């Protein structure tokens, strides 16, 4: 699966025609049409039809589109999959995932629909969201459940309710869950996406949380308002010094490759593959904002 940036994953309520139509203009790395919590029971069918029409009829800009479907144990989940998998242009975000079997059950439905409509089986990517104590404790098996999974996300609102607590400004109640989700993602080689920050008027609090999850190692954050996009991208953009250092690392590794070595030296310090991988991501982040960089490829022995 091609590596791509997922700094921002913007929720787009599936029952909001204006936001659905304009989904591609907000600048988020990924747009996620939501058919679950943001849509009332009375609007489930209409929202599903609206999202299907948007995916099949609108000239949406290039980018990554996901649909958060309803759980398969609800009255709507399978109908959601029937509609959006057939478009052939979305990934499926599975909500409230508690075990690997939840992922496998959804994958089986997706594969059946792919076969029915002539799409190559395995084409439709998935992302699992863990939103409960059971889901967090089973994060590792969830993340490794299928090669279709491109990422695993934390959903904090249901999680803290399950813990019988509430969200605090410093997010101490999320420390364990964030660590579990992040480690599960890294062990499986997939992306880790942090939870939403619901107080859209508290920009400084939002900035602090984005800095925290970036330092922890998350690939990005689920967001609920287009105004949050630029803040996340700004914080994830490397500094000029970081870009210069990354370029120097990549040049040193390329020189080492030409010599037939997997280890280089830069300013008297050893540079090996892990250092080069960090440098490559730095340049990828920089390139996303037009700040130099790009996706430099280096072959390692």
Protein backbone atom coordinates (compact mmCIF):
# COMPACT_ATOMS: atom_id res chain seq x y z
CA UNK A 1 0.00 0.00 0.00
CA UNK A 2 1.45 3.35 -1.04
CA UNK A 3 2.73 5.50 1.79
CA UNK A 4 0.87 8.76 2.15
CA UNK A 5 0.43 11.54 4.68
CA UNK A 6 -2.60 11.40 6.94
CA UNK A 7 -1.95 14.40 9.17
CA UNK A 8 -5.61 15.40 9.05
CA UNK A 9 -8.69 13.22 8.67
CA UNK A 10 -11.69 15.54 8.44
CA UNK A 11 -15.15 14.32 9.47
CA UNK A 12 -17.78 15.31 6.92
CA UNK A 13 -21.35 14.64 8.17
CA UNK A 14 -23.05 12.49 5.55
CA UNK A 15 -26.33 14.33 5.99
CA UNK A 16 -24.84 17.78 5.23
CA UNK A 17 -25.13 18.36 1.44
CA UNK A 18 -23.01 21.51 1.49
CA UNK A 19 -20.08 19.92 3.31
CA UNK A 20 -20.31 16.72 1.27
CA UNK A 21 -20.22 18.71 -1.99
CA UNK A 22 -17.29 20.83 -0.81
CA UNK A 23 -15.38 18.02 0.93
CA UNK A 24 -12.37 18.33 -1.32
CA UNK A 25 -11.76 22.05 -0.86
CA UNK A 26 -10.81 22.10 2.82
CA UNK A 27 -7.22 20.93 2.33
CA UNK A 28 -7.34 17.91 4.65
CA UNK A 29 -5.15 14.95 3.75
CA UNK A 30 -8.14 12.60 4.11
CA UNK A 31 -11.88 13.31 3.99
CA UNK A 32 -14.17 11.02 5.95
CA UNK A 33 -17.88 10.99 5.16
CA UNK A 34 -19.65 10.02 8.38
CA UNK A 35 -22.77 7.86 8.32
CA UNK A 36 -22.57 6.95 12.00
CA UNK A 37 -22.70 9.18 15.08
CA UNK A 38 -23.23 12.53 13.32
CA UNK A 39 -26.34 11.22 11.52
CA UNK A 40 -29.65 10.71 13.34
CA UNK A 41 -31.57 7.47 12.89
CA UNK A 42 -34.19 9.28 10.83
CA UNK A 43 -31.56 10.45 8.33
CA UNK A 44 -29.45 7.30 7.93
CA UNK A 45 -30.92 6.27 4.58
CA UNK A 46 -30.85 9.79 3.14
CA UNK A 47 -27.24 10.31 4.27
CA UNK A 48 -26.15 7.03 2.68
CA UNK A 49 -27.78 8.01 -0.61
CA UNK A 50 -26.22 11.49 -0.49
CA UNK A 51 -22.72 10.11 0.08
CA UNK A 52 -23.17 7.50 -2.65
CA UNK A 53 -24.32 10.16 -5.12
CA UNK A 54 -21.39 12.39 -4.21
CA UNK A 55 -18.89 9.58 -4.76
CA UNK A 56 -20.40 8.51 -8.07
CA UNK A 57 -21.62 11.80 -9.56
CA UNK A 58 -19.55 14.70 -8.26
CA UNK A 59 -16.17 15.66 -9.64
CA UNK A 60 -14.46 15.39 -6.28
CA UNK A 61 -10.81 16.48 -6.23
CA UNK A 62 -8.11 13.84 -6.03
CA UNK A 63 -7.43 12.74 -2.49
CA UNK A 64 -8.22 10.05 0.03
CA UNK A 65 -11.88 9.51 0.86
CA UNK A 66 -13.18 7.32 3.65
CA UNK A 67 -16.66 6.48 4.85
CA UNK A 68 -17.35 5.78 8.49
CA UNK A 69 -20.10 3.20 8.27
CA UNK A 70 -22.43 2.09 11.01
CA UNK A 71 -21.55 -1.06 12.95
CA UNK A 72 -22.46 -4.33 11.28
CA UNK A 73 -24.57 -5.29 14.30
CA UNK A 74 -26.79 -2.26 13.64
CA UNK A 75 -29.64 -2.08 11.15
CA UNK A 76 -27.58 0.10 8.80
CA UNK A 77 -24.02 -1.20 8.57
CA UNK A 78 -24.44 -3.72 5.76
CA UNK A 79 -26.50 -1.31 3.67
CA UNK A 80 -23.78 1.29 4.14
CA UNK A 81 -21.17 -1.14 2.84
CA UNK A 82 -23.37 -2.23 -0.08
CA UNK A 83 -23.63 1.37 -1.23
CA UNK A 84 -20.14 2.80 -0.75
CA UNK A 85 -17.91 -0.20 -1.53
CA UNK A 86 -19.50 -0.33 -4.99
CA UNK A 87 -18.17 3.14 -5.78
CA UNK A 88 -14.65 1.73 -5.82
CA UNK A 89 -13.14 4.95 -4.50
CA UNK A 90 -13.30 4.87 -0.70
CA UNK A 91 -11.74 3.27 2.33
CA UNK A 92 -14.01 1.99 5.08
CA UNK A 93 -13.63 3.25 8.64
CA UNK A 94 -15.11 0.70 10.99
CA UNK A 95 -16.38 2.22 14.26
CA UNK A 96 -16.32 0.80 17.78
CA UNK A 97 -13.95 -2.05 16.96
CA UNK A 98 -13.43 -4.31 19.97
CA UNK A 99 -11.61 -7.35 18.58
CA UNK A 100 -10.01 -8.75 15.46
CA UNK A 101 -13.20 -10.63 14.62
CA UNK A 102 -15.02 -7.30 14.17
CA UNK A 103 -12.48 -6.40 11.49
CA UNK A 104 -12.66 -9.81 9.82
CA UNK A 105 -16.47 -9.77 9.74
CA UNK A 106 -16.44 -6.38 8.03
CA UNK A 107 -13.72 -7.53 5.63
CA UNK A 108 -15.80 -10.56 4.65
CA UNK A 109 -18.74 -8.32 3.76
CA UNK A 110 -16.50 -5.99 1.77
CA UNK A 111 -14.98 -8.94 -0.15
CA UNK A 112 -18.43 -10.29 -0.97
CA UNK A 113 -19.52 -6.92 -2.36
CA UNK A 114 -16.28 -6.57 -4.34
CA UNK A 115 -16.91 -9.95 -5.95
CA UNK A 116 -20.54 -9.11 -6.67
CA UNK A 117 -19.72 -5.89 -8.51
CA UNK A 118 -16.54 -6.97 -10.28
CA UNK A 119 -14.03 -5.08 -8.15
CA UNK A 120 -10.80 -6.94 -7.47
CA UNK A 121 -11.03 -8.48 -3.99
CA UNK A 122 -8.73 -6.62 -1.63
CA UNK A 123 -9.09 -3.26 -3.39
CA UNK A 124 -11.02 -1.51 -0.61
CA UNK A 125 -8.80 -0.42 2.30
CA UNK A 126 -10.02 -0.33 5.89
CA UNK A 127 -9.34 1.61 9.06
CA UNK A 128 -10.45 0.42 12.50
CA UNK A 129 -11.41 2.80 15.30
CA UNK A 130 -11.10 1.59 18.89
CA UNK A 131 -13.49 3.33 21.26
CA UNK A 132 -13.75 1.16 24.38
CA UNK A 133 -11.65 -0.47 27.05
CA UNK A 134 -11.94 -3.82 25.26
CA UNK A 135 -10.90 -2.24 21.97
CA UNK A 136 -7.84 -0.60 23.51
CA UNK A 137 -6.73 -3.81 25.22
CA UNK A 138 -7.15 -5.70 21.94
CA UNK A 139 -5.51 -2.98 19.81
CA UNK A 140 -2.58 -5.17 18.76
CA UNK A 141 -4.71 -8.00 17.40
CA UNK A 142 -7.04 -5.51 15.74
CA UNK A 143 -4.16 -3.75 13.99
CA UNK A 144 -2.79 -7.05 12.68
CA UNK A 145 -6.16 -8.53 11.66
CA UNK A 146 -5.88 -8.02 7.88
CA UNK A 147 -3.55 -6.51 5.27
CA UNK A 148 -6.47 -4.27 4.26
CA UNK A 149 -5.97 -2.16 7.37
CA UNK A 150 -4.14 1.06 6.54
CA UNK A 151 -4.53 2.46 10.04
CA UNK A 152 -6.03 2.28 13.48
CA UNK A 153 -7.66 5.25 15.17
CA UNK A 154 -8.57 6.18 18.73
CA UNK A 155 -12.10 7.38 19.46
CA UNK A 156 -11.93 9.08 22.83
CA UNK A 157 -15.51 10.15 23.51
CA UNK A 158 -16.90 6.63 23.84
CA UNK A 159 -13.67 5.41 25.43
CA UNK A 160 -13.73 7.85 28.35
CA UNK A 161 -17.42 7.13 28.89
CA UNK A 162 -16.53 3.44 29.06
CA UNK A 163 -13.90 4.30 31.69
CA UNK A 164 -16.56 6.20 33.68
CA UNK A 165 -14.63 9.45 33.47
CA UNK A 166 -14.51 12.52 31.22
CA UNK A 167 -11.93 14.27 29.08
CA UNK A 168 -9.57 16.67 30.80
CA UNK A 169 -7.49 19.52 29.32
CA UNK A 170 -4.22 17.60 29.67
CA UNK A 171 -5.69 14.30 28.43
CA UNK A 172 -4.20 12.20 31.23
CA UNK A 173 -7.08 9.73 30.95
CA UNK A 174 -5.99 8.96 27.35
CA UNK A 175 -2.34 8.23 28.04
CA UNK A 176 -2.67 4.44 28.15
CA UNK A 177 -5.04 4.26 25.18
CA UNK A 178 -2.82 6.46 23.02
CA UNK A 179 0.20 4.33 23.85
CA UNK A 180 -1.64 1.09 23.07
CA UNK A 181 -3.01 2.35 19.75
CA UNK A 182 0.33 3.79 18.69
CA UNK A 183 2.34 0.68 19.59
CA UNK A 184 -0.23 -1.58 17.91
CA UNK A 185 -0.03 0.47 14.73
CA UNK A 186 3.76 0.49 14.67
CA UNK A 187 3.96 -3.25 15.34
CA UNK A 188 1.59 -3.85 12.41
CA UNK A 189 3.26 -1.31 10.13
CA UNK A 190 0.15 0.85 9.72
CA UNK A 191 -0.82 4.43 10.57
CA UNK A 192 -1.99 5.67 13.99
CA UNK A 193 -4.63 8.43 14.00
CA UNK A 194 -5.47 10.33 17.17
CA UNK A 195 -8.92 11.26 18.38
CA UNK A 196 -10.86 14.47 17.76
CA UNK A 197 -10.52 17.62 19.86
CA UNK A 198 -14.11 18.71 20.28
CA UNK A 199 -13.70 22.26 21.67
CA UNK A 200 -13.29 24.04 18.34
CA UNK A 201 -13.12 27.46 20.05
CA UNK A 202 -10.08 26.55 22.17
CA UNK A 203 -7.32 26.87 19.59
CA UNK A 204 -4.47 26.95 22.12
CA UNK A 205 -5.74 23.75 23.77
CA UNK A 206 -5.99 22.17 20.35
CA UNK A 207 -2.44 23.23 19.48
CA UNK A 208 -1.11 21.74 22.70
CA UNK A 209 -2.83 18.43 21.99
CA UNK A 210 -1.53 18.30 18.40
CA UNK A 211 2.02 18.98 19.62
CA UNK A 212 1.60 16.14 22.13
CA UNK A 213 0.38 13.56 19.65
CA UNK A 214 3.04 14.56 17.13
CA UNK A 215 5.72 14.05 19.77
CA UNK A 216 4.23 10.68 20.72
CA UNK A 217 4.53 9.61 17.10
CA UNK A 218 0.98 9.68 15.73
CA UNK A 219 0.68 10.06 11.97
CA UNK A 220 -2.20 12.49 12.32
CA UNK A 221 -5.45 13.49 13.94
CA UNK A 222 -9.15 13.12 13.28
CA UNK A 223 -10.69 16.60 13.11
CA UNK A 224 -14.23 17.93 13.06
CA UNK A 225 -13.86 21.46 11.73
CA UNK A 226 -12.10 22.73 8.59
CA UNK A 227 -10.49 25.50 10.68
CA UNK A 228 -8.41 22.85 12.42
CA UNK A 229 -6.73 21.65 9.21
CA UNK A 230 -4.12 24.40 8.89
CA UNK A 231 -3.22 24.24 12.58
CA UNK A 232 -2.37 20.54 12.36
CA UNK A 233 -0.43 20.97 9.12
CA UNK A 234 1.51 23.89 10.57
CA UNK A 235 2.57 21.90 13.63
CA UNK A 236 3.53 18.87 11.53
CA UNK A 237 5.62 20.99 9.13
CA UNK A 238 9.35 20.59 9.89
CA UNK A 239 11.51 23.60 10.68
CA UNK A 240 14.11 24.85 8.20
CA UNK A 241 16.88 23.36 10.34
CA UNK A 242 15.13 19.98 10.42
CA UNK A 243 14.80 20.01 6.63
CA UNK A 244 18.47 20.89 6.14
CA UNK A 245 19.52 18.12 8.54
CA UNK A 246 17.26 15.60 6.81
CA UNK A 247 18.70 16.45 3.41
CA UNK A 248 22.21 16.03 4.75
CA UNK A 249 21.27 12.62 6.20
CA UNK A 250 19.81 11.45 2.89
CA UNK A 251 22.85 12.65 0.97
CA UNK A 252 25.15 10.84 3.40
CA UNK A 253 23.14 7.64 3.07
CA UNK A 254 23.18 7.87 -0.71
CA UNK A 255 26.95 8.24 -0.65
CA UNK A 256 27.17 5.22 1.69
CA UNK A 257 24.98 3.23 -0.69
CA UNK A 258 27.31 3.98 -3.58
CA UNK A 259 30.14 2.62 -1.44
CA UNK A 260 28.15 -0.55 -0.73
CA UNK A 261 27.59 0.30 2.95
CA UNK A 262 24.40 0.62 4.97
CA UNK A 263 25.95 3.00 7.49
CA UNK A 264 27.17 6.56 6.91
CA UNK A 265 28.86 9.24 8.96
CA UNK A 266 27.64 12.82 9.27
CA UNK A 267 29.41 15.44 11.39
CA UNK A 268 31.22 12.66 13.21
CA UNK A 269 28.04 10.75 14.10
CA UNK A 270 26.87 7.42 12.74
CA UNK A 271 23.88 7.56 10.41
CA UNK A 272 22.06 4.28 9.85
CA UNK A 273 18.71 3.15 8.49
CA UNK A 274 16.48 4.33 11.40
CA UNK A 275 18.01 7.82 11.17
CA UNK A 276 17.46 7.82 7.42
CA UNK A 277 13.84 6.74 7.81
CA UNK A 278 13.19 9.69 10.12
CA UNK A 279 14.88 11.99 7.63
CA UNK A 280 12.78 10.64 4.79
CA UNK A 281 9.56 11.35 6.71
CA UNK A 282 10.79 14.85 7.55
CA UNK A 283 11.27 15.55 3.84
CA UNK A 284 7.90 14.02 3.04
CA UNK A 285 6.21 16.34 5.56
CA UNK A 286 8.14 19.31 4.22
CA UNK A 287 7.21 18.48 0.64
CA UNK A 288 3.51 18.36 1.51
CA UNK A 289 3.56 22.07 2.25
CA UNK A 290 5.79 23.02 -0.67
CA UNK A 291 8.65 23.57 1.75
CA UNK A 292 11.26 21.63 -0.18
CA UNK A 293 11.85 17.99 0.53
CA UNK A 294 9.82 15.35 -1.26
CA UNK A 295 9.88 11.58 -1.07
CA UNK A 296 13.58 10.82 -1.49
CA UNK A 297 14.19 7.13 -1.98
CA UNK A 298 17.34 5.45 -0.72
CA UNK A 299 18.25 1.80 -1.25
CA UNK A 300 19.75 0.17 1.86
CA UNK A 301 21.77 -3.00 1.92
